[in-house]
């Protein structure tokens, strides 16, 4: 059995490395690597042309650090073993279900006959609701909050801050979303389309732009709402506010919205954020330190 899992690890490690190498060397319309770059450049152009905080530097504090985080979390972390290890864990979990409970197929609801748009809409809504709940958990669990602090250590907001987060968040989000999404049997192509849409919204939410949405603000997250999520000062007794990832809908439904006034120039971070490490390796190690 150990040999089986090792072969899965090696096969998926090589497979992801080959995929990434091919992706970088072969630009195309279906190439996620260049979609990430294109979306990032487009949103950055909006920041330069229409800055909301006009006194914020064009190359803001930690801009290059956040750019590195963006590529690390989306590509490099998977390359160094996460993609391969997650395949092993998924296979072991499937073997556990089969051997202990006799479950041979995780798919509980067959949506293959649904129209493509309906499948992707369900994936988008379900995934975003799962992520909203995970995001709340990152704030409420003292242990997980130590990892989420990396994201909240941003003191000047910009699009690339979207993907500044500790690698442990990848593990937490992917682990919790695995079972419900697997039970619906979504294909990888559907996931990529939804992910690109969510990526664009996430970039915009963190960007230094004013984005008037009108009534759509009650559905979609936006920079004017999300800036309050990063506020250094929160309502008394609150673990956090405005948890929405792509959708603000969940916050309005469950009463976690907080926007007391125009938050353009509010202080960002958390108490004593000034003492938090500013380097990538230091931030990766920081949550594992014994806080006494």
Protein backbone atom coordinates (compact mmCIF):
# COMPACT_ATOMS: atom_id res chain seq x y z
CA UNK A 1 0.00 0.00 0.00
CA UNK A 2 2.89 2.36 0.81
CA UNK A 3 4.35 1.74 -2.65
CA UNK A 4 1.02 2.73 -4.22
CA UNK A 5 0.96 6.08 -2.45
CA UNK A 6 4.62 6.76 -3.24
CA UNK A 7 3.95 6.10 -6.92
CA UNK A 8 1.00 8.50 -6.81
CA UNK A 9 3.21 11.13 -5.16
CA UNK A 10 6.01 10.77 -7.71
CA UNK A 11 3.60 10.67 -10.66
CA UNK A 12 1.73 13.79 -9.54
CA UNK A 13 4.94 15.62 -8.63
CA UNK A 14 6.34 15.03 -12.10
CA UNK A 15 2.98 15.76 -13.68
CA UNK A 16 2.64 19.14 -11.99
CA UNK A 17 6.26 20.08 -12.73
CA UNK A 18 5.75 19.24 -16.40
CA UNK A 19 2.44 21.13 -16.45
CA UNK A 20 4.01 24.25 -14.94
CA UNK A 21 7.00 24.12 -17.28
CA UNK A 22 4.74 23.70 -20.30
CA UNK A 23 2.47 26.50 -19.05
CA UNK A 24 5.30 29.01 -18.69
CA UNK A 25 6.78 28.19 -22.10
CA UNK A 26 3.52 28.07 -24.06
CA UNK A 27 1.34 31.19 -23.75
CA UNK A 28 -2.25 30.57 -24.86
CA UNK A 29 -5.82 31.65 -24.11
CA UNK A 30 -6.24 28.62 -21.86
CA UNK A 31 -3.00 29.27 -19.97
CA UNK A 32 -3.66 30.03 -16.30
CA UNK A 33 -0.14 31.37 -15.66
CA UNK A 34 -0.60 34.17 -18.17
CA UNK A 35 -4.20 34.80 -17.12
CA UNK A 36 -2.86 35.54 -13.63
CA UNK A 37 -0.31 37.97 -15.07
CA UNK A 38 -2.88 39.57 -17.40
CA UNK A 39 -5.52 40.07 -14.70
CA UNK A 40 -2.88 41.46 -12.32
CA UNK A 41 -1.58 43.96 -14.88
CA UNK A 42 -5.12 45.06 -15.79
CA UNK A 43 -6.10 45.72 -12.16
CA UNK A 44 -2.76 47.42 -11.45
CA UNK A 45 -3.39 49.70 -14.43
CA UNK A 46 -6.70 50.69 -12.84
CA UNK A 47 -4.85 51.48 -9.60
CA UNK A 48 -2.39 53.72 -11.46
CA UNK A 49 -5.06 55.47 -13.55
CA UNK A 50 -7.81 55.83 -10.93
CA UNK A 51 -6.28 55.61 -7.43
CA UNK A 52 -8.75 55.83 -4.55
CA UNK A 53 -6.04 56.72 -2.02
CA UNK A 54 -4.16 59.30 -4.05
CA UNK A 55 -1.42 59.76 -1.46
CA UNK A 56 -0.48 56.06 -1.57
CA UNK A 57 2.74 55.37 -3.51
CA UNK A 58 2.35 53.74 -6.92
CA UNK A 59 4.81 51.09 -5.76
CA UNK A 60 3.28 50.72 -2.33
CA UNK A 61 4.85 49.20 0.77
CA UNK A 62 5.50 45.45 0.34
CA UNK A 63 4.43 45.52 -3.33
CA UNK A 64 7.23 43.15 -4.39
CA UNK A 65 6.77 40.92 -1.36
CA UNK A 66 3.08 40.52 -2.24
CA UNK A 67 3.96 39.84 -5.88
CA UNK A 68 6.22 37.01 -4.75
CA UNK A 69 3.45 35.67 -2.50
CA UNK A 70 1.14 35.67 -5.50
CA UNK A 71 3.34 33.33 -7.53
CA UNK A 72 4.41 31.31 -4.51
CA UNK A 73 0.90 30.50 -3.34
CA UNK A 74 -0.56 29.86 -6.79
CA UNK A 75 2.33 27.91 -8.36
CA UNK A 76 5.51 27.37 -6.34
CA UNK A 77 3.88 25.86 -3.24
CA UNK A 78 2.18 23.23 -5.39
CA UNK A 79 5.46 22.58 -7.21
CA UNK A 80 7.43 21.87 -4.03
CA UNK A 81 5.14 19.01 -3.14
CA UNK A 82 1.67 20.19 -2.15
CA UNK A 83 -0.02 19.10 -5.39
CA UNK A 84 1.54 15.65 -5.15
CA UNK A 85 0.91 15.25 -1.41
CA UNK A 86 -2.72 16.34 -1.71
CA UNK A 87 -3.25 13.66 -4.38
CA UNK A 88 -1.87 11.05 -1.98
CA UNK A 89 -4.12 12.27 0.85
CA UNK A 90 -7.17 12.25 -1.47
CA UNK A 91 -6.39 8.69 -2.56
CA UNK A 92 -5.87 7.57 1.05
CA UNK A 93 -9.17 9.19 2.04
CA UNK A 94 -10.98 7.43 -0.82
CA UNK A 95 -9.40 4.12 0.23
CA UNK A 96 -10.56 4.74 3.81
CA UNK A 97 -14.15 5.35 2.69
CA UNK A 98 -14.07 2.26 0.47
CA UNK A 99 -12.50 -0.10 3.01
CA UNK A 100 -14.37 1.08 6.11
CA UNK A 101 -17.75 2.20 4.75
CA UNK A 102 -17.85 0.52 1.35
CA UNK A 103 -18.16 3.90 -0.41
CA UNK A 104 -16.62 3.60 -3.87
CA UNK A 105 -17.93 6.79 -5.45
CA UNK A 106 -18.01 10.13 -3.64
CA UNK A 107 -20.37 11.73 -6.14
CA UNK A 108 -23.69 12.12 -4.30
CA UNK A 109 -25.45 14.46 -6.74
CA UNK A 110 -24.97 13.89 -10.45
CA UNK A 111 -25.03 17.31 -12.09
CA UNK A 112 -23.41 16.19 -15.33
CA UNK A 113 -26.74 16.57 -17.14
CA UNK A 114 -27.18 20.18 -15.97
CA UNK A 115 -26.41 23.02 -18.41
CA UNK A 116 -22.81 24.16 -18.19
CA UNK A 117 -23.74 27.59 -16.84
CA UNK A 118 -25.80 26.00 -14.04
CA UNK A 119 -22.93 23.72 -13.03
CA UNK A 120 -20.49 26.63 -12.84
CA UNK A 121 -22.98 28.83 -10.97
CA UNK A 122 -23.47 26.09 -8.36
CA UNK A 123 -19.70 25.59 -8.06
CA UNK A 124 -19.15 29.33 -7.65
CA UNK A 125 -21.87 29.75 -5.00
CA UNK A 126 -21.00 26.62 -3.03
CA UNK A 127 -17.26 27.26 -3.10
CA UNK A 128 -17.68 30.89 -2.07
CA UNK A 129 -20.00 29.97 0.82
CA UNK A 130 -17.50 27.35 2.03
CA UNK A 131 -14.69 29.91 1.80
CA UNK A 132 -16.77 32.50 3.69
CA UNK A 133 -17.17 30.04 6.56
CA UNK A 134 -13.49 29.04 6.48
CA UNK A 135 -12.56 32.72 6.53
CA UNK A 136 -14.65 33.21 9.67
CA UNK A 137 -12.90 30.19 11.21
CA UNK A 138 -9.49 31.72 10.48
CA UNK A 139 -10.52 34.69 12.59
CA UNK A 140 -12.22 32.81 15.43
CA UNK A 141 -9.62 30.08 16.00
CA UNK A 142 -6.62 31.50 17.90
CA UNK A 143 -4.33 28.91 16.28
CA UNK A 144 -5.52 29.60 12.72
CA UNK A 145 -5.49 33.34 13.32
CA UNK A 146 -1.71 33.17 13.76
CA UNK A 147 -1.47 32.02 10.13
CA UNK A 148 -4.11 34.46 8.88
CA UNK A 149 -2.17 37.33 10.45
CA UNK A 150 0.19 37.18 7.48
CA UNK A 151 -2.64 38.39 5.24
CA UNK A 152 -3.68 41.05 7.73
CA UNK A 153 -0.14 42.37 8.13
CA UNK A 154 -0.75 44.44 4.96
CA UNK A 155 -0.65 48.15 5.91
CA UNK A 156 -0.97 49.65 2.42
CA UNK A 157 -3.65 47.94 0.36
CA UNK A 158 -3.17 46.97 -3.28
CA UNK A 159 -4.31 44.22 -5.65
CA UNK A 160 -1.36 41.87 -4.95
CA UNK A 161 -2.25 41.82 -1.24
CA UNK A 162 -5.08 39.50 -2.32
CA UNK A 163 -2.66 36.57 -2.47
CA UNK A 164 -0.41 37.46 0.45
CA UNK A 165 -1.27 34.63 2.81
CA UNK A 166 0.50 31.85 4.70
CA UNK A 167 0.77 28.52 2.86
CA UNK A 168 -1.19 26.87 5.67
CA UNK A 169 -4.28 28.67 4.39
CA UNK A 170 -3.98 26.69 1.15
CA UNK A 171 -4.11 23.50 3.19
CA UNK A 172 -7.05 24.61 5.36
CA UNK A 173 -9.21 25.87 2.49
CA UNK A 174 -8.50 22.92 0.17
CA UNK A 175 -9.06 20.34 2.92
CA UNK A 176 -12.42 21.73 4.00
CA UNK A 177 -13.75 22.29 0.47
CA UNK A 178 -12.61 18.88 -0.85
CA UNK A 179 -15.48 16.69 0.30
CA UNK A 180 -18.49 18.88 -0.63
CA UNK A 181 -17.04 19.69 -4.06
CA UNK A 182 -16.01 16.09 -4.71
CA UNK A 183 -19.54 14.94 -3.90
CA UNK A 184 -20.78 17.01 -6.84
CA UNK A 185 -18.17 15.65 -9.26
CA UNK A 186 -16.90 18.94 -10.66
CA UNK A 187 -14.35 18.82 -13.47
CA UNK A 188 -11.06 20.72 -13.45
CA UNK A 189 -12.07 22.90 -16.42
CA UNK A 190 -15.14 24.17 -14.54
CA UNK A 191 -12.95 24.90 -11.51
CA UNK A 192 -10.44 26.94 -13.54
CA UNK A 193 -13.15 29.15 -15.06
CA UNK A 194 -14.70 29.81 -11.63
CA UNK A 195 -11.27 30.38 -10.09
CA UNK A 196 -10.37 33.01 -12.70
CA UNK A 197 -13.61 34.84 -11.99
CA UNK A 198 -12.99 34.69 -8.24
CA UNK A 199 -9.36 35.76 -8.77
CA UNK A 200 -10.47 38.88 -10.62
CA UNK A 201 -12.95 39.82 -7.90
CA UNK A 202 -10.31 39.21 -5.22
CA UNK A 203 -7.79 41.44 -7.00
CA UNK A 204 -10.39 44.20 -7.33
CA UNK A 205 -11.41 43.89 -3.66
CA UNK A 206 -7.85 44.61 -2.55
CA UNK A 207 -7.06 47.20 -5.21
CA UNK A 208 -6.56 50.90 -4.54
CA UNK A 209 -9.63 51.87 -6.60
CA UNK A 210 -13.14 53.13 -5.97
CA UNK A 211 -15.65 50.71 -7.43
CA UNK A 212 -19.26 51.92 -7.25
CA UNK A 213 -21.54 48.92 -7.67
CA UNK A 214 -24.90 50.41 -6.78
CA UNK A 215 -27.37 47.70 -5.70
CA UNK A 216 -24.82 45.01 -6.72
CA UNK A 217 -22.84 45.87 -3.58
CA UNK A 218 -25.32 43.65 -1.72
CA UNK A 219 -24.20 40.70 -3.86
CA UNK A 220 -20.54 41.24 -4.76
CA UNK A 221 -17.65 42.10 -2.47
CA UNK A 222 -15.85 45.33 -3.35
CA UNK A 223 -12.87 47.46 -2.26
CA UNK A 224 -15.02 49.86 -0.23
CA UNK A 225 -16.41 46.97 1.78
CA UNK A 226 -13.30 44.86 2.03
CA UNK A 227 -11.08 47.66 3.30
CA UNK A 228 -13.04 47.45 6.56
CA UNK A 229 -12.18 43.77 6.87
CA UNK A 230 -8.54 44.88 7.12
CA UNK A 231 -9.26 47.70 9.58
CA UNK A 232 -6.90 47.88 12.54
CA UNK A 233 -9.80 48.93 14.76
CA UNK A 234 -12.80 46.57 14.84
CA UNK A 235 -16.11 46.69 16.72
CA UNK A 236 -15.64 45.84 20.39
CA UNK A 237 -15.76 42.09 20.98
CA UNK A 238 -15.62 41.29 17.28
CA UNK A 239 -13.34 38.66 15.75
CA UNK A 240 -13.71 40.26 12.34
CA UNK A 241 -16.17 41.78 9.87
CA UNK A 242 -17.00 41.65 6.15
CA UNK A 243 -15.72 38.11 5.62
CA UNK A 244 -16.91 37.93 2.00
CA UNK A 245 -14.49 36.46 -0.52
CA UNK A 246 -16.24 37.06 -3.86
CA UNK A 247 -19.74 37.67 -2.55
CA UNK A 248 -20.87 40.18 0.06
CA UNK A 249 -24.21 38.37 0.08
CA UNK A 250 -23.28 36.08 2.97
CA UNK A 251 -22.27 39.01 5.21
CA UNK A 252 -25.59 40.75 4.60
CA UNK A 253 -27.52 37.53 5.19
CA UNK A 254 -25.71 36.63 8.42
CA UNK A 255 -25.21 40.11 9.85
CA UNK A 256 -21.43 40.43 9.69
CA UNK A 257 -21.35 43.69 7.70
CA UNK A 258 -19.56 46.70 9.24
CA UNK A 259 -19.03 49.90 7.25
CA UNK A 260 -19.37 52.85 9.65
CA UNK A 261 -18.13 55.45 7.14
CA UNK A 262 -15.93 55.91 4.07
CA UNK A 263 -12.93 53.74 4.91
CA UNK A 264 -10.51 55.14 2.36
CA UNK A 265 -7.86 56.31 4.83
CA UNK A 266 -8.37 54.00 7.81
CA UNK A 267 -5.40 52.29 9.49
CA UNK A 268 -4.94 48.70 8.40
CA UNK A 269 -3.59 45.65 10.20
CA UNK A 270 -4.01 44.56 13.82
CA UNK A 271 -2.69 45.72 17.21
CA UNK A 272 1.14 45.96 17.11
CA UNK A 273 1.23 45.13 13.39
CA UNK A 274 4.26 47.43 13.19
CA UNK A 275 6.27 44.76 15.04
CA UNK A 276 5.25 41.96 12.67
CA UNK A 277 8.04 40.58 10.43
CA UNK A 278 8.27 42.05 6.92
CA UNK A 279 10.25 39.32 5.15
CA UNK A 280 8.75 36.27 3.45
CA UNK A 281 10.67 33.61 5.40
CA UNK A 282 10.16 35.41 8.69
CA UNK A 283 6.40 35.59 8.05
CA UNK A 284 6.26 31.90 7.13
CA UNK A 285 7.99 30.94 10.39
CA UNK A 286 6.23 33.44 12.68
CA UNK A 287 2.96 31.47 13.24
CA UNK A 288 4.91 28.37 14.35
CA UNK A 289 6.74 30.20 17.14
CA UNK A 290 5.71 29.42 20.68
CA UNK A 291 3.74 32.46 21.81
CA UNK A 292 4.04 31.42 25.43
